[in-house]
Every structure is written in C-alpha cells, then in structure tokens.
C-alpha cells in the first residue's frame, strides 16, 4: 500500500535539515550583527568625541553606553535563541510524529484485520484520523474489513480494490476519495461527506449504505 499523502511528506524529509541549516545561519547572522554593532558604536563614539573632552573621560562614558547597548543586544540574542530552540523542538517532535505515522501506515499493507484494527486505534488515539494526516493516502488493496473509520478526514484518499466489508465511514469526510473496485458489502457511509467520491465498479449488497 502506497500512501500518496505520506509519500509527499517523505519527499520533504530533507526540509527539516534545511530548516536546521537556516537556524544556524540565523544564529551566525545575529552574532555578526552584535559584533558589527560594537564596532559601529566604537567608531561613532570616537568620531563624535568633543575636542575639549579627555580620552579617559570619553572612554568612561563610552563604556557605559556600549555596555548598555551590548546588554540589550545580548538579551535580544538570548530571546531569539530561545525562539529558535523552541522551533527546533517543534520540528523534532513533528519529525518523530511523521516517522511513527509512516511506520503505522506501512503496517496496514501487510497486516491482518486485527492488527489493522490496532493500528487504526493508535492513529485515532493520536488524533491523526481527524487532523488531516490521512488526506490523499493510498489504501489500495489493504484489508480494512469491519474497521471503524468513522469521523475520519479521508479527503482524496485512495481505496482502489480495498477490502472494506462492514467498514464504518459514518460522518467521515471522503470527498474526492476513490473507491474503484472496492469491496463495500455492508459498509456504512451514514452522514459521510462523499462529494466527488468515485464509487465506480464497487462491490456492494443490500446492507451497503451510500448517501
């Protein structure tokens, strides 16, 4: 079972690394800006020194001024660093989530009904059935007989040839999904959003409910 939506996400696996490089570049830029600030402050201070002011007096005042400016700059840098650290943490958590979801989806390809039931329950517990993680996913050929996909967000998902006997899609959103040649005997779509869904060549019986 190939999962189109997650194949796209897999292609973007390099993006977190690219963002990490961007974060390091941002830190380098901030350090360069702080150094440039100190040099500029020193240059401007030297050029604007009153002729009647001694260098010792000038340097004392200059030290106070640049110390204040540098303290503000360091505080700004620390705040930026905290924001970047939070961003790195978020990206790491998202990467872990994508990897776990990818592993669960891969298990659906070879799993039996009971194993797939466990996989779907894990996905539901993590909130992935409702938050759009399974949009555009390809479940073609998978065995999802009797499983509960109610209230799931499955827009543009592909169920070509999928075994879906007695599966529940109650209140699910299967807009533009493809069920070509799927076995939908006894499947229920009560309250489901099926706009644009393709149900051609499906197998159904008197217990199948389609809106």
N, C-alpha and C. Protein backbone atom coordinates (compact mmCIF):
# COMPACT_ATOMS: atom_id res chain seq x y z
N UNK A 1 0.84 -1.19 0.00
CA UNK A 1 0.00 0.00 0.00
C UNK A 1 0.87 1.23 0.00
N UNK A 2 0.73 2.03 -1.02
CA UNK A 2 1.50 3.28 -1.11
C UNK A 2 0.62 4.39 -0.60
N UNK A 3 1.16 5.29 0.19
CA UNK A 3 0.38 6.37 0.77
C UNK A 3 0.82 7.67 0.15
N UNK A 4 0.04 8.13 -0.82
CA UNK A 4 0.46 9.29 -1.61
C UNK A 4 0.72 10.48 -0.72
N UNK A 5 -0.22 10.74 0.20
CA UNK A 5 -0.04 11.91 1.04
C UNK A 5 1.25 11.84 1.81
N UNK A 6 1.59 10.62 2.25
CA UNK A 6 2.80 10.48 3.05
C UNK A 6 4.02 10.27 2.20
N UNK A 7 3.82 9.91 0.94
CA UNK A 7 4.97 9.90 0.05
C UNK A 7 5.42 11.33 -0.16
N UNK A 8 4.44 12.25 -0.28
CA UNK A 8 4.80 13.66 -0.42
C UNK A 8 5.52 14.15 0.81
N UNK A 9 5.05 13.69 1.97
CA UNK A 9 5.73 14.11 3.20
C UNK A 9 7.13 13.52 3.29
N UNK A 10 7.28 12.29 2.80
CA UNK A 10 8.61 11.68 2.82
C UNK A 10 9.57 12.44 1.93
N UNK A 11 9.04 12.95 0.78
CA UNK A 11 9.89 13.73 -0.11
C UNK A 11 10.39 14.99 0.55
N UNK A 12 9.61 15.45 1.53
CA UNK A 12 10.01 16.68 2.20
C UNK A 12 10.84 16.40 3.45
N UNK A 13 11.33 15.16 3.57
CA UNK A 13 12.11 14.82 4.76
C UNK A 13 13.36 15.66 4.86
N UNK A 14 13.84 16.15 3.73
CA UNK A 14 15.03 16.97 3.76
C UNK A 14 14.77 18.37 4.26
N UNK A 15 13.51 18.77 4.33
CA UNK A 15 13.20 20.12 4.71
C UNK A 15 13.60 20.46 6.14
N UNK A 16 13.34 19.54 7.13
CA UNK A 16 13.78 19.87 8.47
C UNK A 16 15.27 20.13 8.55
N UNK A 17 16.08 19.34 7.80
CA UNK A 17 17.51 19.57 7.79
C UNK A 17 17.83 20.94 7.22
N UNK A 18 17.11 21.30 6.15
CA UNK A 18 17.32 22.61 5.54
C UNK A 18 16.95 23.71 6.52
N UNK A 19 15.85 23.49 7.27
CA UNK A 19 15.46 24.49 8.25
C UNK A 19 16.50 24.58 9.36
N UNK A 20 17.10 23.42 9.71
CA UNK A 20 18.14 23.45 10.73
C UNK A 20 19.33 24.27 10.29
N UNK A 21 19.70 24.13 9.01
CA UNK A 21 20.79 24.94 8.46
C UNK A 21 20.41 26.41 8.52
N UNK A 22 19.13 26.69 8.21
CA UNK A 22 18.67 28.07 8.26
C UNK A 22 18.75 28.65 9.66
N UNK A 23 18.43 27.81 10.66
CA UNK A 23 18.52 28.27 12.05
C UNK A 23 19.95 28.61 12.42
N UNK A 24 20.90 27.73 12.03
CA UNK A 24 22.31 28.00 12.35
C UNK A 24 22.78 29.27 11.66
N UNK A 25 22.34 29.47 10.43
CA UNK A 25 22.72 30.69 9.72
C UNK A 25 22.17 31.91 10.43
N UNK A 26 20.95 31.80 10.94
CA UNK A 26 20.34 32.92 11.66
C UNK A 26 21.16 33.25 12.90
N UNK A 27 21.60 32.23 13.62
CA UNK A 27 22.43 32.48 14.80
C UNK A 27 23.73 33.16 14.42
N UNK A 28 24.35 32.72 13.33
CA UNK A 28 25.60 33.35 12.88
C UNK A 28 25.37 34.81 12.49
N UNK A 29 24.25 35.06 11.82
CA UNK A 29 23.94 36.44 11.43
C UNK A 29 23.76 37.31 12.66
N UNK A 30 23.07 36.80 13.67
CA UNK A 30 22.86 37.58 14.89
C UNK A 30 24.19 37.91 15.56
N UNK A 31 25.10 36.93 15.63
CA UNK A 31 26.42 37.17 16.22
C UNK A 31 27.19 38.21 15.43
N UNK A 32 27.11 38.13 14.11
CA UNK A 32 27.80 39.13 13.27
C UNK A 32 27.21 40.51 13.49
N UNK A 33 25.90 40.58 13.63
CA UNK A 33 25.25 41.87 13.86
C UNK A 33 25.67 42.47 15.20
N UNK A 34 25.80 41.61 16.22
CA UNK A 34 26.26 42.10 17.52
C UNK A 34 27.68 42.63 17.43
N UNK A 35 28.55 41.92 16.72
CA UNK A 35 29.93 42.38 16.56
C UNK A 35 29.97 43.68 15.77
N UNK A 36 29.16 43.75 14.71
CA UNK A 36 29.12 44.97 13.91
C UNK A 36 28.61 46.14 14.73
N UNK A 37 27.64 45.89 15.60
CA UNK A 37 27.11 46.94 16.47
C UNK A 37 28.20 47.51 17.36
N UNK A 38 29.01 46.63 17.92
CA UNK A 38 30.09 47.10 18.80
C UNK A 38 31.10 47.94 18.02
N UNK A 39 31.46 47.50 16.82
CA UNK A 39 32.41 48.25 16.00
C UNK A 39 31.85 49.60 15.60
N UNK A 40 30.59 49.62 15.16
CA UNK A 40 29.96 50.88 14.76
C UNK A 40 29.85 51.82 15.94
N UNK A 41 29.46 51.30 17.07
CA UNK A 41 29.34 52.15 18.27
C UNK A 41 30.68 52.77 18.63
N UNK A 42 31.74 51.96 18.54
CA UNK A 42 33.08 52.46 18.84
C UNK A 42 33.48 53.55 17.84
N UNK A 43 33.23 53.30 16.56
CA UNK A 43 33.59 54.27 15.54
C UNK A 43 32.83 55.58 15.68
N UNK A 44 31.54 55.47 15.88
CA UNK A 44 30.72 56.68 16.03
C UNK A 44 31.12 57.44 17.28
N UNK A 45 31.36 56.70 18.35
CA UNK A 45 31.77 57.37 19.60
C UNK A 45 33.07 58.12 19.45
N UNK A 46 34.04 57.51 18.75
CA UNK A 46 35.33 58.16 18.55
C UNK A 46 35.20 59.41 17.68
N UNK A 47 34.37 59.34 16.66
CA UNK A 47 34.20 60.48 15.74
C UNK A 47 33.45 61.64 16.39
N UNK A 48 32.59 61.33 17.34
CA UNK A 48 31.78 62.38 17.96
C UNK A 48 32.35 62.86 19.29
N UNK A 49 33.56 62.45 19.62
CA UNK A 49 34.16 62.90 20.89
C UNK A 49 34.41 64.41 20.84
N UNK A 50 33.88 65.17 21.80
CA UNK A 50 34.14 66.61 21.85
C UNK A 50 35.64 66.88 21.97
N UNK A 51 36.12 67.91 21.28
CA UNK A 51 37.57 68.21 21.30
C UNK A 51 38.09 68.52 22.70
N UNK A 52 37.24 69.13 23.55
CA UNK A 52 37.70 69.52 24.88
C UNK A 52 37.54 68.41 25.91
N UNK A 53 37.11 67.26 25.47
CA UNK A 53 36.92 66.15 26.40
C UNK A 53 38.12 65.22 26.37
N UNK A 54 38.61 64.87 27.53
CA UNK A 54 39.75 63.97 27.59
C UNK A 54 39.35 62.56 27.19
N UNK A 55 40.36 61.84 26.72
CA UNK A 55 40.08 60.48 26.26
C UNK A 55 39.62 59.58 27.39
N UNK A 56 40.18 59.81 28.59
CA UNK A 56 39.77 58.96 29.72
C UNK A 56 38.31 59.21 30.06
N UNK A 57 37.91 60.49 30.08
CA UNK A 57 36.51 60.81 30.37
C UNK A 57 35.59 60.28 29.27
N UNK A 58 36.05 60.46 28.04
CA UNK A 58 35.25 59.97 26.92
C UNK A 58 35.07 58.46 26.97
N UNK A 59 36.16 57.77 27.28
CA UNK A 59 36.10 56.31 27.30
C UNK A 59 35.20 55.82 28.42
N UNK A 60 35.17 56.53 29.55
CA UNK A 60 34.31 56.14 30.65
C UNK A 60 32.84 56.22 30.24
N UNK A 61 32.47 57.34 29.62
CA UNK A 61 31.10 57.48 29.16
C UNK A 61 30.76 56.50 28.05
N UNK A 62 31.75 56.32 27.18
CA UNK A 62 31.53 55.39 26.07
C UNK A 62 31.32 53.97 26.58
N UNK A 63 32.08 53.59 27.59
CA UNK A 63 31.96 52.24 28.14
C UNK A 63 30.57 51.99 28.71
N UNK A 64 30.04 53.01 29.39
CA UNK A 64 28.69 52.87 29.95
C UNK A 64 27.68 52.70 28.82
N UNK A 65 27.83 53.53 27.78
CA UNK A 65 26.90 53.48 26.67
C UNK A 65 26.94 52.16 25.92
N UNK A 66 28.14 51.72 25.57
CA UNK A 66 28.25 50.47 24.82
C UNK A 66 27.87 49.27 25.68
N UNK A 67 28.14 49.40 27.00
CA UNK A 67 27.74 48.31 27.90
C UNK A 67 26.23 48.14 27.91
N UNK A 68 25.52 49.27 27.96
CA UNK A 68 24.06 49.21 27.93
C UNK A 68 23.55 48.64 26.61
N UNK A 69 24.16 49.12 25.51
CA UNK A 69 23.75 48.65 24.20
C UNK A 69 24.03 47.16 24.03
N UNK A 70 25.19 46.72 24.47
CA UNK A 70 25.53 45.31 24.33
C UNK A 70 24.66 44.43 25.20
N UNK A 71 24.31 44.95 26.41
CA UNK A 71 23.43 44.18 27.28
C UNK A 71 22.07 43.98 26.61
N UNK A 72 21.56 45.04 25.98
CA UNK A 72 20.29 44.94 25.27
C UNK A 72 20.42 43.97 24.09
N UNK A 73 21.57 44.04 23.40
CA UNK A 73 21.79 43.16 22.25
C UNK A 73 21.87 41.70 22.69
N UNK A 74 22.58 41.45 23.79
CA UNK A 74 22.70 40.09 24.30
C UNK A 74 21.34 39.54 24.72
N UNK A 75 20.54 40.41 25.37
CA UNK A 75 19.20 39.99 25.77
C UNK A 75 18.38 39.63 24.54
N UNK A 76 18.49 40.46 23.50
CA UNK A 76 17.78 40.17 22.25
C UNK A 76 18.23 38.85 21.66
N UNK A 77 19.56 38.62 21.68
CA UNK A 77 20.09 37.37 21.15
C UNK A 77 19.56 36.17 21.93
N UNK A 78 19.49 36.30 23.26
CA UNK A 78 19.01 35.19 24.08
C UNK A 78 17.54 34.89 23.78
N UNK A 79 16.76 35.95 23.59
CA UNK A 79 15.35 35.75 23.26
C UNK A 79 15.21 35.06 21.91
N UNK A 80 16.02 35.50 20.93
CA UNK A 80 15.99 34.86 19.62
C UNK A 80 16.41 33.41 19.71
N UNK A 81 17.44 33.15 20.52
CA UNK A 81 17.93 31.78 20.68
C UNK A 81 16.86 30.89 21.31
N UNK A 82 16.11 31.45 22.27
CA UNK A 82 15.02 30.68 22.89
C UNK A 82 13.94 30.35 21.86
N UNK A 83 13.63 31.32 21.00
CA UNK A 83 12.63 31.08 19.97
C UNK A 83 13.10 30.01 18.99
N UNK A 84 14.38 30.07 18.61
CA UNK A 84 14.92 29.09 17.68
C UNK A 84 14.96 27.70 18.31
N UNK A 85 15.28 27.66 19.61
CA UNK A 85 15.31 26.37 20.31
C UNK A 85 13.91 25.75 20.35
N UNK A 86 12.91 26.60 20.57
CA UNK A 86 11.54 26.10 20.57
C UNK A 86 11.15 25.61 19.19
N UNK A 87 11.61 26.32 18.16
CA UNK A 87 11.32 25.89 16.79
C UNK A 87 11.97 24.55 16.50
N UNK A 88 13.23 24.39 16.96
CA UNK A 88 13.92 23.11 16.75
C UNK A 88 13.19 21.97 17.45
N UNK A 89 12.70 22.24 18.66
CA UNK A 89 11.98 21.23 19.42
C UNK A 89 10.69 20.84 18.71
N UNK A 90 9.99 21.84 18.18
CA UNK A 90 8.75 21.58 17.45
C UNK A 90 9.01 20.74 16.21
N UNK A 91 10.07 21.09 15.47
CA UNK A 91 10.41 20.35 14.26
C UNK A 91 10.81 18.92 14.58
N UNK A 92 11.54 18.74 15.66
CA UNK A 92 11.94 17.39 16.06
C UNK A 92 10.73 16.56 16.42
N UNK A 93 9.78 17.17 17.14
CA UNK A 93 8.56 16.45 17.51
C UNK A 93 7.74 16.09 16.28
N UNK A 94 7.67 17.03 15.31
CA UNK A 94 6.93 16.75 14.08
C UNK A 94 7.59 15.64 13.28
N UNK A 95 8.93 15.62 13.25
CA UNK A 95 9.65 14.57 12.53
C UNK A 95 9.39 13.21 13.16
N UNK A 96 9.41 13.17 14.50
CA UNK A 96 9.13 11.91 15.20
C UNK A 96 7.71 11.43 14.91
N UNK A 97 6.78 12.40 14.87
CA UNK A 97 5.39 12.06 14.59
C UNK A 97 5.23 11.52 13.19
N UNK A 98 5.88 12.16 12.21
CA UNK A 98 5.79 11.68 10.83
C UNK A 98 6.37 10.28 10.69
N UNK A 99 7.49 10.04 11.39
CA UNK A 99 8.11 8.71 11.30
C UNK A 99 7.22 7.64 11.90
N UNK A 100 6.62 7.96 13.05
CA UNK A 100 5.73 6.97 13.69
C UNK A 100 4.51 6.71 12.83
N UNK A 101 3.93 7.76 12.27
CA UNK A 101 2.76 7.59 11.43
C UNK A 101 3.11 6.79 10.17
N UNK A 102 4.27 7.07 9.59
CA UNK A 102 4.70 6.32 8.41
C UNK A 102 4.85 4.84 8.70
N UNK A 103 5.38 4.52 9.88
CA UNK A 103 5.54 3.11 10.27
C UNK A 103 4.18 2.43 10.44
N UNK A 104 3.24 3.14 11.05
CA UNK A 104 1.92 2.57 11.25
C UNK A 104 1.21 2.34 9.91
N UNK A 105 1.36 3.30 9.02
CA UNK A 105 0.73 3.16 7.71
C UNK A 105 1.32 2.00 6.93
N UNK A 106 2.62 1.80 7.05
CA UNK A 106 3.27 0.70 6.35
C UNK A 106 2.74 -0.65 6.84
N UNK A 107 2.39 -0.73 8.12
CA UNK A 107 1.89 -1.98 8.68
C UNK A 107 0.53 -2.36 8.11
N UNK A 108 -0.24 -1.35 7.67
CA UNK A 108 -1.55 -1.63 7.12
C UNK A 108 -1.47 -2.44 5.82
N UNK A 109 -0.35 -2.35 5.15
CA UNK A 109 -0.21 -3.04 3.87
C UNK A 109 -0.18 -4.55 4.03
N UNK A 110 0.45 -4.99 5.10
CA UNK A 110 0.62 -6.44 5.27
C UNK A 110 -0.17 -6.99 6.45
N UNK A 111 -0.79 -6.11 7.20
CA UNK A 111 -1.47 -6.56 8.40
C UNK A 111 -2.80 -7.23 8.14
N UNK A 112 -3.16 -8.09 9.07
CA UNK A 112 -4.49 -8.70 9.03
C UNK A 112 -5.50 -7.77 9.66
N UNK A 113 -6.75 -8.21 9.74
CA UNK A 113 -7.81 -7.35 10.26
C UNK A 113 -7.53 -6.91 11.68
N UNK A 114 -7.17 -7.82 12.55
CA UNK A 114 -6.97 -7.47 13.95
C UNK A 114 -5.77 -6.53 14.14
N UNK A 115 -4.70 -6.81 13.41
CA UNK A 115 -3.54 -5.91 13.52
C UNK A 115 -3.89 -4.52 12.99
N UNK A 116 -4.62 -4.48 11.88
CA UNK A 116 -5.00 -3.20 11.32
C UNK A 116 -5.98 -2.45 12.22
N UNK A 117 -6.80 -3.19 12.93
CA UNK A 117 -7.70 -2.56 13.90
C UNK A 117 -6.88 -1.86 14.99
N UNK A 118 -5.84 -2.54 15.45
CA UNK A 118 -4.97 -1.95 16.46
C UNK A 118 -4.25 -0.71 15.93
N UNK A 119 -3.80 -0.79 14.66
CA UNK A 119 -3.13 0.35 14.03
C UNK A 119 -4.05 1.56 13.96
N UNK A 120 -5.29 1.33 13.52
CA UNK A 120 -6.24 2.43 13.40
C UNK A 120 -6.59 3.03 14.75
N UNK A 121 -6.66 2.21 15.77
CA UNK A 121 -6.94 2.72 17.11
C UNK A 121 -5.79 3.60 17.60
N UNK A 122 -4.57 3.20 17.29
CA UNK A 122 -3.42 4.04 17.65
C UNK A 122 -3.48 5.38 16.92
N UNK A 123 -3.85 5.33 15.65
CA UNK A 123 -3.98 6.57 14.87
C UNK A 123 -5.09 7.46 15.43
N UNK A 124 -6.20 6.82 15.80
CA UNK A 124 -7.31 7.59 16.34
C UNK A 124 -6.93 8.22 17.67
N UNK A 125 -6.23 7.46 18.52
CA UNK A 125 -5.80 7.98 19.82
C UNK A 125 -4.87 9.17 19.66
N UNK A 126 -4.04 9.14 18.60
CA UNK A 126 -3.10 10.24 18.36
C UNK A 126 -3.77 11.41 17.65
N UNK A 127 -5.03 11.24 17.26
CA UNK A 127 -5.75 12.32 16.59
C UNK A 127 -5.50 12.42 15.10
N UNK A 128 -4.81 11.44 14.53
CA UNK A 128 -4.41 11.52 13.12
C UNK A 128 -5.56 11.24 12.15
N UNK A 129 -6.60 10.55 12.61
CA UNK A 129 -7.71 10.29 11.71
C UNK A 129 -8.53 11.55 11.45
N UNK A 130 -8.44 12.51 12.34
CA UNK A 130 -9.28 13.71 12.22
C UNK A 130 -8.50 14.97 11.85
N UNK A 131 -7.17 14.93 11.97
CA UNK A 131 -6.42 16.17 11.74
C UNK A 131 -5.84 16.30 10.33
N UNK A 132 -6.29 15.44 9.42
CA UNK A 132 -5.85 15.57 8.03
C UNK A 132 -4.60 14.82 7.67
N UNK A 133 -4.03 14.06 8.60
CA UNK A 133 -2.80 13.32 8.31
C UNK A 133 -3.02 12.24 7.24
N UNK A 134 -4.26 11.79 7.08
CA UNK A 134 -4.52 10.71 6.13
C UNK A 134 -5.14 11.20 4.82
N UNK A 135 -5.15 12.50 4.62
CA UNK A 135 -5.64 13.01 3.33
C UNK A 135 -4.70 12.54 2.22
N UNK A 136 -5.29 12.14 1.11
CA UNK A 136 -4.54 11.72 -0.07
C UNK A 136 -3.76 10.42 0.15
N UNK A 137 -4.04 9.72 1.24
CA UNK A 137 -3.36 8.44 1.49
C UNK A 137 -3.91 7.36 0.56
N UNK A 138 -3.08 6.41 0.21
CA UNK A 138 -3.46 5.34 -0.71
C UNK A 138 -3.55 4.03 0.06
N UNK A 139 -4.79 3.56 0.27
CA UNK A 139 -5.03 2.31 0.99
C UNK A 139 -5.35 1.16 0.03
N UNK A 140 -4.98 1.31 -1.21
CA UNK A 140 -5.34 0.32 -2.24
C UNK A 140 -4.89 -1.09 -1.83
N UNK A 141 -5.84 -2.03 -1.89
CA UNK A 141 -5.52 -3.42 -1.61
C UNK A 141 -5.42 -3.78 -0.16
N UNK A 142 -5.55 -2.82 0.74
CA UNK A 142 -5.43 -3.13 2.17
C UNK A 142 -6.67 -3.86 2.67
N UNK A 143 -6.51 -4.58 3.76
CA UNK A 143 -7.62 -5.30 4.36
C UNK A 143 -8.14 -4.50 5.56
N UNK A 144 -9.23 -3.78 5.33
CA UNK A 144 -9.83 -2.95 6.38
C UNK A 144 -11.24 -3.42 6.70
N UNK A 145 -11.48 -4.71 6.56
CA UNK A 145 -12.82 -5.25 6.78
C UNK A 145 -13.27 -5.04 8.23
N UNK A 146 -14.48 -4.46 8.35
CA UNK A 146 -15.09 -4.29 9.67
C UNK A 146 -14.45 -3.23 10.54
N UNK A 147 -13.55 -2.44 9.99
CA UNK A 147 -12.85 -1.46 10.81
C UNK A 147 -13.60 -0.14 10.88
N UNK A 148 -13.32 0.61 11.94
CA UNK A 148 -14.04 1.84 12.22
C UNK A 148 -13.25 3.05 11.73
N UNK A 149 -13.74 3.66 10.65
CA UNK A 149 -13.13 4.87 10.10
C UNK A 149 -14.09 6.06 10.23
N UNK A 150 -14.99 5.95 11.19
CA UNK A 150 -15.99 7.00 11.38
C UNK A 150 -15.33 8.31 11.77
N UNK A 151 -15.90 9.40 11.23
CA UNK A 151 -15.45 10.77 11.52
C UNK A 151 -14.02 11.06 11.06
N UNK A 152 -13.47 10.18 10.22
CA UNK A 152 -12.09 10.39 9.75
C UNK A 152 -12.05 11.39 8.60
N UNK A 153 -10.93 12.10 8.52
CA UNK A 153 -10.70 13.01 7.40
C UNK A 153 -9.92 12.24 6.35
N UNK A 154 -10.61 11.77 5.32
CA UNK A 154 -10.01 10.93 4.29
C UNK A 154 -10.21 11.54 2.90
N UNK A 155 -10.20 12.85 2.86
CA UNK A 155 -10.37 13.53 1.57
C UNK A 155 -9.27 13.12 0.59
N UNK A 156 -9.69 12.79 -0.62
CA UNK A 156 -8.78 12.42 -1.71
C UNK A 156 -8.01 11.13 -1.44
N UNK A 157 -8.43 10.37 -0.44
CA UNK A 157 -7.78 9.08 -0.17
C UNK A 157 -8.13 8.09 -1.28
N UNK A 158 -7.30 7.06 -1.43
CA UNK A 158 -7.49 6.07 -2.49
C UNK A 158 -7.74 4.70 -1.86
N UNK A 159 -8.88 4.11 -2.22
CA UNK A 159 -9.25 2.79 -1.71
C UNK A 159 -9.50 1.83 -2.88
N UNK A 160 -8.69 1.91 -3.89
CA UNK A 160 -8.88 1.07 -5.08
C UNK A 160 -8.64 -0.40 -4.70
N UNK A 161 -9.68 -1.22 -4.88
CA UNK A 161 -9.54 -2.64 -4.58
C UNK A 161 -9.40 -2.95 -3.11
N UNK A 162 -9.71 -2.01 -2.24
CA UNK A 162 -9.56 -2.23 -0.80
C UNK A 162 -10.72 -3.07 -0.26
N UNK A 163 -10.41 -3.96 0.67
CA UNK A 163 -11.45 -4.78 1.28
C UNK A 163 -12.07 -4.01 2.45
N UNK A 164 -13.29 -3.57 2.25
CA UNK A 164 -13.96 -2.70 3.22
C UNK A 164 -15.32 -3.26 3.65
N UNK A 165 -15.46 -4.56 3.64
CA UNK A 165 -16.73 -5.17 4.07
C UNK A 165 -17.03 -4.78 5.52
N UNK A 166 -18.24 -4.28 5.73
CA UNK A 166 -18.74 -3.90 7.06
C UNK A 166 -17.92 -2.78 7.70
N UNK A 167 -17.10 -2.08 6.92
CA UNK A 167 -16.34 -0.94 7.46
C UNK A 167 -17.28 0.23 7.70
N UNK A 168 -16.96 1.04 8.69
CA UNK A 168 -17.81 2.19 9.01
C UNK A 168 -17.12 3.49 8.63
N UNK A 169 -17.79 4.25 7.75
CA UNK A 169 -17.34 5.58 7.38
C UNK A 169 -18.35 6.63 7.87
N UNK A 170 -19.06 6.32 8.90
CA UNK A 170 -20.08 7.22 9.41
C UNK A 170 -19.47 8.58 9.76
N UNK A 171 -20.10 9.63 9.23
CA UNK A 171 -19.68 11.02 9.49
C UNK A 171 -18.24 11.31 9.05
N UNK A 172 -17.68 10.44 8.22
CA UNK A 172 -16.32 10.69 7.71
C UNK A 172 -16.40 11.64 6.51
N UNK A 173 -15.27 12.25 6.20
CA UNK A 173 -15.18 13.11 5.01
C UNK A 173 -14.34 12.37 3.97
N UNK A 174 -15.01 11.83 2.97
CA UNK A 174 -14.32 11.11 1.90
C UNK A 174 -14.46 11.86 0.58
N UNK A 175 -14.52 13.16 0.65
CA UNK A 175 -14.65 13.98 -0.56
C UNK A 175 -13.52 13.66 -1.53
N UNK A 176 -13.89 13.43 -2.78
CA UNK A 176 -12.93 13.16 -3.86
C UNK A 176 -12.11 11.90 -3.63
N UNK A 177 -12.53 11.05 -2.71
CA UNK A 177 -11.82 9.78 -2.50
C UNK A 177 -12.20 8.80 -3.62
N UNK A 178 -11.35 7.80 -3.87
CA UNK A 178 -11.59 6.81 -4.92
C UNK A 178 -11.80 5.44 -4.30
N UNK A 179 -12.96 4.87 -4.58
CA UNK A 179 -13.29 3.53 -4.07
C UNK A 179 -13.45 2.54 -5.23
N UNK A 180 -12.82 2.81 -6.34
CA UNK A 180 -12.95 1.95 -7.52
C UNK A 180 -12.61 0.49 -7.18
N UNK A 181 -13.52 -0.41 -7.55
CA UNK A 181 -13.36 -1.86 -7.36
C UNK A 181 -13.20 -2.25 -5.88
N UNK A 182 -13.58 -1.37 -4.97
CA UNK A 182 -13.50 -1.72 -3.54
C UNK A 182 -14.66 -2.63 -3.16
N UNK A 183 -14.44 -3.47 -2.18
CA UNK A 183 -15.49 -4.34 -1.67
C UNK A 183 -16.19 -3.60 -0.53
N UNK A 184 -17.38 -3.08 -0.83
CA UNK A 184 -18.13 -2.28 0.15
C UNK A 184 -19.38 -3.01 0.64
N UNK A 185 -19.38 -4.31 0.61
CA UNK A 185 -20.53 -5.04 1.11
C UNK A 185 -20.70 -4.80 2.62
N UNK A 186 -21.85 -4.27 2.96
CA UNK A 186 -22.14 -4.00 4.38
C UNK A 186 -21.48 -2.74 4.90
N UNK A 187 -20.76 -1.99 4.07
CA UNK A 187 -20.10 -0.76 4.53
C UNK A 187 -21.14 0.33 4.74
N UNK A 188 -20.88 1.20 5.73
CA UNK A 188 -21.84 2.24 6.07
C UNK A 188 -21.19 3.63 5.91
N UNK A 189 -21.94 4.49 5.21
CA UNK A 189 -21.49 5.87 5.00
C UNK A 189 -22.53 6.86 5.53
N UNK A 190 -23.22 6.48 6.58
CA UNK A 190 -24.24 7.35 7.15
C UNK A 190 -23.62 8.68 7.57
N UNK A 191 -24.17 9.78 7.05
CA UNK A 191 -23.70 11.10 7.45
C UNK A 191 -22.35 11.48 6.87
N UNK A 192 -21.80 10.65 6.00
CA UNK A 192 -20.47 10.93 5.43
C UNK A 192 -20.57 11.98 4.33
N UNK A 193 -19.48 12.73 4.16
CA UNK A 193 -19.38 13.69 3.07
C UNK A 193 -18.72 12.96 1.90
N UNK A 194 -19.46 12.77 0.83
CA UNK A 194 -18.97 11.96 -0.29
C UNK A 194 -18.88 12.75 -1.60
N UNK A 195 -18.93 14.06 -1.50
CA UNK A 195 -18.91 14.88 -2.71
C UNK A 195 -17.66 14.59 -3.55
N UNK A 196 -17.87 14.25 -4.82
CA UNK A 196 -16.75 13.99 -5.72
C UNK A 196 -16.11 12.63 -5.56
N UNK A 197 -16.62 11.81 -4.63
CA UNK A 197 -16.04 10.47 -4.43
C UNK A 197 -16.39 9.56 -5.60
N UNK A 198 -15.50 8.65 -5.94
CA UNK A 198 -15.67 7.73 -7.07
C UNK A 198 -16.00 6.34 -6.54
N UNK A 199 -17.25 5.90 -6.81
CA UNK A 199 -17.69 4.59 -6.36
C UNK A 199 -17.95 3.65 -7.55
N UNK A 200 -17.24 3.86 -8.64
CA UNK A 200 -17.46 3.02 -9.82
C UNK A 200 -16.89 1.61 -9.60
N UNK A 201 -17.63 0.63 -10.13
CA UNK A 201 -17.21 -0.78 -10.13
C UNK A 201 -17.02 -1.33 -8.72
N UNK A 202 -17.73 -0.79 -7.74
CA UNK A 202 -17.62 -1.32 -6.38
C UNK A 202 -18.47 -2.57 -6.24
N UNK A 203 -18.16 -3.35 -5.22
CA UNK A 203 -18.99 -4.49 -4.87
C UNK A 203 -19.80 -4.10 -3.65
N UNK A 204 -21.13 -4.20 -3.75
CA UNK A 204 -22.00 -3.83 -2.63
C UNK A 204 -23.15 -4.81 -2.53
N UNK A 205 -23.89 -4.71 -1.43
CA UNK A 205 -25.06 -5.56 -1.24
C UNK A 205 -26.16 -4.74 -0.59
N UNK A 206 -27.22 -5.42 -0.15
CA UNK A 206 -28.37 -4.71 0.41
C UNK A 206 -28.03 -4.01 1.73
N UNK A 207 -26.94 -4.39 2.37
CA UNK A 207 -26.55 -3.76 3.64
C UNK A 207 -25.64 -2.56 3.45
N UNK A 208 -25.20 -2.35 2.23
CA UNK A 208 -24.34 -1.19 1.96
C UNK A 208 -25.18 0.08 2.00
N UNK A 209 -24.68 1.09 2.70
CA UNK A 209 -25.40 2.38 2.73
C UNK A 209 -24.49 3.46 2.18
N UNK A 210 -24.93 4.07 1.06
CA UNK A 210 -24.23 5.21 0.47
C UNK A 210 -25.18 6.39 0.43
N UNK A 211 -24.73 7.59 0.74
CA UNK A 211 -25.61 8.77 0.72
C UNK A 211 -26.20 9.00 -0.67
